[in-house]
Amino acid sequence: QVQLLESGGGLAQAGGSLRLSCTASGSTIRPYSMAWFRQAPGKEREFLAAITWNFIIRYADSVKGRFTISRDVAKTSVFLQMNSLKSEDTAVYYCAAGREVTGPGVTMPNKYNYWGQGTQVTVSS
């Protein structure tokens, strides 16, 4: 069982930066692929970035070049550095963990077993 807790959300201006953190407890995240998703009001949950259990990284086109995902296995944490924020980045951001998720599956919410409660990111223009 893995519990995930996101932090680092808040209010940012367009063009600014935020760094989200996701800390796991209950189990090591070593065998888990970790991902970030977001969900805006009235929209479906959207894949943003994933870093697999073997450190393969994938980004959605909408955030490529602006967002960077990383993980610290020793600290059981995963991070999302968000730069050049836009108003359309406003959403609730979720961290997810899925055991040994690979390939195209990293973009699919239903491949992840554990989710955090989410953290709000609001970007003002």
C-alpha atoms as a PDB file:
ATOM      1  CA  GLN A   1       0.000   0.000   0.000  1.00  0.00           C
ATOM      2  CA  VAL A   2       1.340   3.387  -1.015  1.00  0.00           C
ATOM      3  CA  GLN A   3       0.090   6.709   0.276  1.00  0.00           C
ATOM      4  CA  LEU A   4       0.917   9.786  -1.785  1.00  0.00           C
ATOM      5  CA  LEU A   5       0.882  13.381  -0.615  1.00  0.00           C
ATOM      6  CA  GLU A   6       1.325  16.294  -2.990  1.00  0.00           C
ATOM      7  CA  SER A   7       2.547  19.732  -1.998  1.00  0.00           C
ATOM      8  CA  GLY A   8       3.811  22.890  -3.621  1.00  0.00           C
ATOM      9  CA  GLY A   9       0.703  24.070  -5.375  1.00  0.00           C
ATOM     10  CA  GLY A  10      -0.559  27.608  -5.130  1.00  0.00           C
ATOM     11  CA  LEU A  11      -0.934  30.812  -7.067  1.00  0.00           C
ATOM     12  CA  ALA A  12       1.548  31.856  -9.733  1.00  0.00           C
ATOM     13  CA  GLN A  13       1.617  34.514 -12.396  1.00  0.00           C
ATOM     14  CA  ALA A  14       1.777  33.653 -16.063  1.00  0.00           C
ATOM     15  CA  GLY A  15       5.391  33.084 -17.007  1.00  0.00           C
ATOM     16  CA  GLY A  16       6.283  32.084 -13.470  1.00  0.00           C
ATOM     17  CA  SER A  17       7.298  28.780 -11.929  1.00  0.00           C
ATOM     18  CA  LEU A  18       6.143  26.315  -9.321  1.00  0.00           C
ATOM     19  CA  ARG A  19       7.645  23.084  -8.064  1.00  0.00           C
ATOM     20  CA  LEU A  20       5.338  20.298  -6.993  1.00  0.00           C
ATOM     21  CA  SER A  21       6.437  17.519  -4.701  1.00  0.00           C
ATOM     22  CA  CYS A  22       4.883  14.132  -4.093  1.00  0.00           C
ATOM     23  CA  THR A  23       6.031  12.158  -1.097  1.00  0.00           C
ATOM     24  CA  ALA A  24       5.221   8.492  -0.733  1.00  0.00           C
ATOM     25  CA  SER A  25       4.763   6.583   2.469  1.00  0.00           C
ATOM     26  CA  GLY A  26       3.871   3.028   3.341  1.00  0.00           C
ATOM     27  CA  SER A  27       6.209   1.495   0.788  1.00  0.00           C
ATOM     28  CA  THR A  28       9.264   2.241  -1.265  1.00  0.00           C
ATOM     29  CA  ILE A  29       8.487   3.689  -4.690  1.00  0.00           C
ATOM     30  CA  ARG A  30      11.433   1.857  -6.256  1.00  0.00           C
ATOM     31  CA  PRO A  31       9.278  -0.614  -8.292  1.00  0.00           C
ATOM     32  CA  TYR A  32       6.664   1.993  -9.168  1.00  0.00           C
ATOM     33  CA  SER A  33       6.347   4.211 -12.164  1.00  0.00           C
ATOM     34  CA  MET A  34       5.344   7.690 -11.039  1.00  0.00           C
ATOM     35  CA  ALA A  35       3.312  10.243 -12.946  1.00  0.00           C
ATOM     36  CA  TRP A  36       1.673  13.606 -12.739  1.00  0.00           C
ATOM     37  CA  PHE A  37      -1.806  14.278 -14.054  1.00  0.00           C
ATOM     38  CA  ARG A  38      -4.072  17.290 -13.792  1.00  0.00           C
ATOM     39  CA  GLN A  39      -7.752  17.952 -13.994  1.00  0.00           C
ATOM     40  CA  ALA A  40      -9.416  21.258 -14.708  1.00  0.00           C
ATOM     41  CA  PRO A  41     -13.101  21.873 -13.922  1.00  0.00           C
ATOM     42  CA  GLY A  42     -15.327  20.179 -16.457  1.00  0.00           C
ATOM     43  CA  LYS A  43     -12.429  18.384 -18.136  1.00  0.00           C
ATOM     44  CA  GLU A  44     -11.029  14.876 -18.074  1.00  0.00           C
ATOM     45  CA  ARG A  45      -7.902  13.985 -16.154  1.00  0.00           C
ATOM     46  CA  GLU A  46      -4.925  14.830 -18.337  1.00  0.00           C
ATOM     47  CA  PHE A  47      -1.547  13.102 -18.398  1.00  0.00           C
ATOM     48  CA  LEU A  48       1.412  15.453 -17.952  1.00  0.00           C
ATOM     49  CA  ALA A  49       4.596  13.526 -17.242  1.00  0.00           C
ATOM     50  CA  ALA A  50       5.816  10.149 -16.092  1.00  0.00           C
ATOM     51  CA  ILE A  51       9.056   8.651 -14.883  1.00  0.00           C
ATOM     52  CA  THR A  52       9.082   4.881 -14.890  1.00  0.00           C
ATOM     53  CA  TRP A  53      10.533   2.504 -12.366  1.00  0.00           C
ATOM     54  CA  ASN A  54      13.587   2.227 -14.684  1.00  0.00           C
ATOM     55  CA  PHE A  55      13.834   6.015 -15.130  1.00  0.00           C
ATOM     56  CA  ILE A  56      12.338   6.379 -18.594  1.00  0.00           C
ATOM     57  CA  ILE A  57      10.678   9.774 -18.894  1.00  0.00           C
ATOM     58  CA  ARG A  58       7.732  10.794 -21.022  1.00  0.00           C
ATOM     59  CA  TYR A  59       5.930  14.130 -21.348  1.00  0.00           C
ATOM     60  CA  ALA A  60       2.668  15.279 -22.829  1.00  0.00           C
ATOM     61  CA  ASP A  61       3.138  17.606 -25.776  1.00  0.00           C
ATOM     62  CA  SER A  62       1.319  20.359 -23.884  1.00  0.00           C
ATOM     63  CA  VAL A  63       4.063  20.577 -21.249  1.00  0.00           C
ATOM     64  CA  LYS A  64       7.171  19.377 -23.083  1.00  0.00           C
ATOM     65  CA  GLY A  65       9.968  21.901 -22.688  1.00  0.00           C
ATOM     66  CA  ARG A  66       8.226  23.643 -19.784  1.00  0.00           C
ATOM     67  CA  PHE A  67       7.780  20.915 -17.165  1.00  0.00           C
ATOM     68  CA  THR A  68      10.424  18.575 -15.778  1.00  0.00           C
ATOM     69  CA  ILE A  69       9.741  15.415 -13.806  1.00  0.00           C
ATOM     70  CA  SER A  70      12.290  13.850 -11.493  1.00  0.00           C
ATOM     71  CA  ARG A  71      12.350  11.322  -8.722  1.00  0.00           C
ATOM     72  CA  ASP A  72      14.394  10.702  -5.603  1.00  0.00           C
ATOM     73  CA  VAL A  73      14.057   7.082  -4.689  1.00  0.00           C
ATOM     74  CA  ALA A  74      15.988   7.491  -1.455  1.00  0.00           C
ATOM     75  CA  LYS A  75      13.515  10.124  -0.313  1.00  0.00           C
ATOM     76  CA  THR A  76      10.550   8.315  -1.863  1.00  0.00           C
ATOM     77  CA  SER A  77       9.602  11.489  -3.677  1.00  0.00           C
ATOM     78  CA  VAL A  78       8.804  12.653  -7.157  1.00  0.00           C
ATOM     79  CA  PHE A  79       8.851  16.234  -8.323  1.00  0.00           C
ATOM     80  CA  LEU A  80       7.384  18.344 -11.100  1.00  0.00           C
ATOM     81  CA  GLN A  81       9.198  21.566 -11.922  1.00  0.00           C
ATOM     82  CA  MET A  82       6.834  23.795 -13.849  1.00  0.00           C
ATOM     83  CA  ASN A  83       8.228  26.781 -15.729  1.00  0.00           C
ATOM     84  CA  SER A  84       6.711  29.292 -18.147  1.00  0.00           C
ATOM     85  CA  LEU A  85       3.310  28.738 -16.603  1.00  0.00           C
ATOM     86  CA  LYS A  86       0.218  29.660 -18.583  1.00  0.00           C
ATOM     87  CA  SER A  87      -3.332  30.393 -17.470  1.00  0.00           C
ATOM     88  CA  GLU A  88      -4.415  27.130 -19.079  1.00  0.00           C
ATOM     89  CA  ASP A  89      -2.185  25.265 -16.618  1.00  0.00           C
ATOM     90  CA  THR A  90      -4.716  26.070 -13.902  1.00  0.00           C
ATOM     91  CA  ALA A  91      -6.007  22.781 -12.512  1.00  0.00           C
ATOM     92  CA  VAL A  92      -5.777  20.333  -9.654  1.00  0.00           C
ATOM     93  CA  TYR A  93      -2.537  18.383  -9.995  1.00  0.00           C
ATOM     94  CA  TYR A  94      -2.330  14.733  -8.968  1.00  0.00           C
ATOM     95  CA  CYS A  95       0.557  12.412  -8.317  1.00  0.00           C
ATOM     96  CA  ALA A  96       0.085   8.735  -9.174  1.00  0.00           C
ATOM     97  CA  ALA A  97       1.994   5.489  -8.681  1.00  0.00           C
ATOM     98  CA  GLY A  98       1.661   2.324 -10.726  1.00  0.00           C
ATOM     99  CA  ARG A  99       3.737  -0.788 -10.270  1.00  0.00           C
ATOM    100  CA  GLU A 100       6.072  -1.287 -13.237  1.00  0.00           C
ATOM    101  CA  VAL A 101       3.894   0.661 -15.674  1.00  0.00           C
ATOM    102  CA  THR A 102       5.724   1.054 -18.974  1.00  0.00           C
ATOM    103  CA  GLY A 103       5.260   2.040 -22.599  1.00  0.00           C
ATOM    104  CA  PRO A 104       2.082   3.776 -23.723  1.00  0.00           C
ATOM    105  CA  GLY A 105       0.463   2.768 -20.459  1.00  0.00           C
ATOM    106  CA  VAL A 106       2.280   5.521 -18.598  1.00  0.00           C
ATOM    107  CA  THR A 107      -0.184   8.039 -20.048  1.00  0.00           C
ATOM    108  CA  MET A 108      -3.292   6.136 -18.920  1.00  0.00           C
ATOM    109  CA  PRO A 109      -4.838   6.951 -15.528  1.00  0.00           C
ATOM    110  CA  ASN A 110      -6.282   3.457 -15.175  1.00  0.00           C
ATOM    111  CA  LYS A 111      -2.774   1.949 -15.089  1.00  0.00           C
ATOM    112  CA  TYR A 112      -2.006   3.646 -11.788  1.00  0.00           C
ATOM    113  CA  ASN A 113      -3.009   2.039  -8.520  1.00  0.00           C
ATOM    114  CA  TYR A 114      -2.412   4.877  -6.100  1.00  0.00           C
ATOM    115  CA  TRP A 115      -3.281   8.563  -6.204  1.00  0.00           C
ATOM    116  CA  GLY A 116      -2.672  11.571  -4.039  1.00  0.00           C
ATOM    117  CA  GLN A 117      -5.432  13.911  -2.982  1.00  0.00           C
ATOM    118  CA  GLY A 118      -4.313  16.625  -5.401  1.00  0.00           C
ATOM    119  CA  THR A 119      -2.941  20.126  -5.078  1.00  0.00           C
ATOM    120  CA  GLN A 120      -4.454  23.214  -6.668  1.00  0.00           C
ATOM    121  CA  VAL A 121      -2.383  25.245  -9.110  1.00  0.00           C
ATOM    122  CA  THR A 122      -3.791  28.573 -10.219  1.00  0.00           C
ATOM    123  CA  VAL A 123      -2.031  30.691 -12.824  1.00  0.00           C
ATOM    124  CA  SER A 124      -3.145  34.273 -13.218  1.00  0.00           C
ATOM    125  CA  SER A 125      -2.681  36.065 -16.510  1.00  0.00           C
END
